[in-house]
Structures are given as structure tokens and as C-alpha cells.
């Protein structure tokens, strides 16, 4: 895995072979961030990365200049890897790692964000609850973007705030926007 752009551009990090996460492919990540570059002022964006996995999206966000990135991941091995990589990159207070269940976080968070990225395990039994909770709990700031990574088996175009769907190889991203300005 590599960081596509920003101050850590080109940095590579490899999770252990025993890792259970399915990282967003570099190809899909690069294309998605090319789209987002036209929508987001990175230096003004607070971001939430849920189901952090390898932390790759969080590291990309910090690299691009996000002043506040919250990464939520409950798997002990994953959080150890994220902490190690965060240390290797010398990332400070701009990135917070919360070692907890995403659904507990979503139910209890009082924060709102300009960008939320969710990459749940594709076989998660309550996968479709993720966008519902993000919307119900008002986690999106006015004008904010929510990106849900998923397999081709899901269609979220019927949900409120749906803006578009992007497909890069086997990776699907549904993009929602809180249109309230």
C-alpha cells in the first residue's frame, strides 16, 4: 500500500500477511481522491475514517493536510499496525485513533465531520446500518461528504443524500452529500 499524494506521497507500508483487513486498492484510492480534490479543501476538512483497517485512508487524509482525522478501528492487530505506522510517519495530534467498535462510536458520537469514509467488511451482517446511523446521528456537517466503500452487491442510490456511485475495478464507492449549506 502507498500514500498517493501530499507530504507523505510515495511512502509505502505493508501490513503483516496475517492481517484480516481488505485495504482499499491504490488504483481505487487514487481515482477517488482525484474526484475529491475537486470537491474538498483538505486544509479545512475534518475527517472520520470508520472501519479503519490498515489506516490507509486516514494516512492519506493527513498527508493531504487534514487538520483533524479520527480513525475508528476495534481489531487489536489493526490498531497496533496503525499506531506503528503513525509513529513511523511522525504523525501527531492531527490524527486520533479510537480503539473501539464502530457502531458504539456511531451511536454515541456528538461530533460532526466534513468528510466521513467508511470501509466496512463486505460480509458485515449489518452493513446497511452504517449509512443509516451516519445520517440519523447527524455526523455530517453542512455540505459534508460521506463515502461508503462496498462490493457490487449493494445499491445505495435510493438513500437520502445520495450523490453518485463510482466503480474502480471491483471497488464501489457510493458518495453522499449533506446538501444543507
Foldseek 3Di string as FASTA:
>chain_A
DAQCDAPRHPDDDDADPPFPDDDDDPQRVVVVVVVCVVVDDLQDWAEEEECCRQVNVVVNSVRSHHQAYEYEHADPSNVVNNVVVCVVVVPPHNYHYHRDDRVVCLVDDQEATQEYEYEDDQVPPPLVCVVVSCVVSRNHDAFHKYKYKYFPVDDDCPPPQFDDWDDDPRIIITMGTRNGD
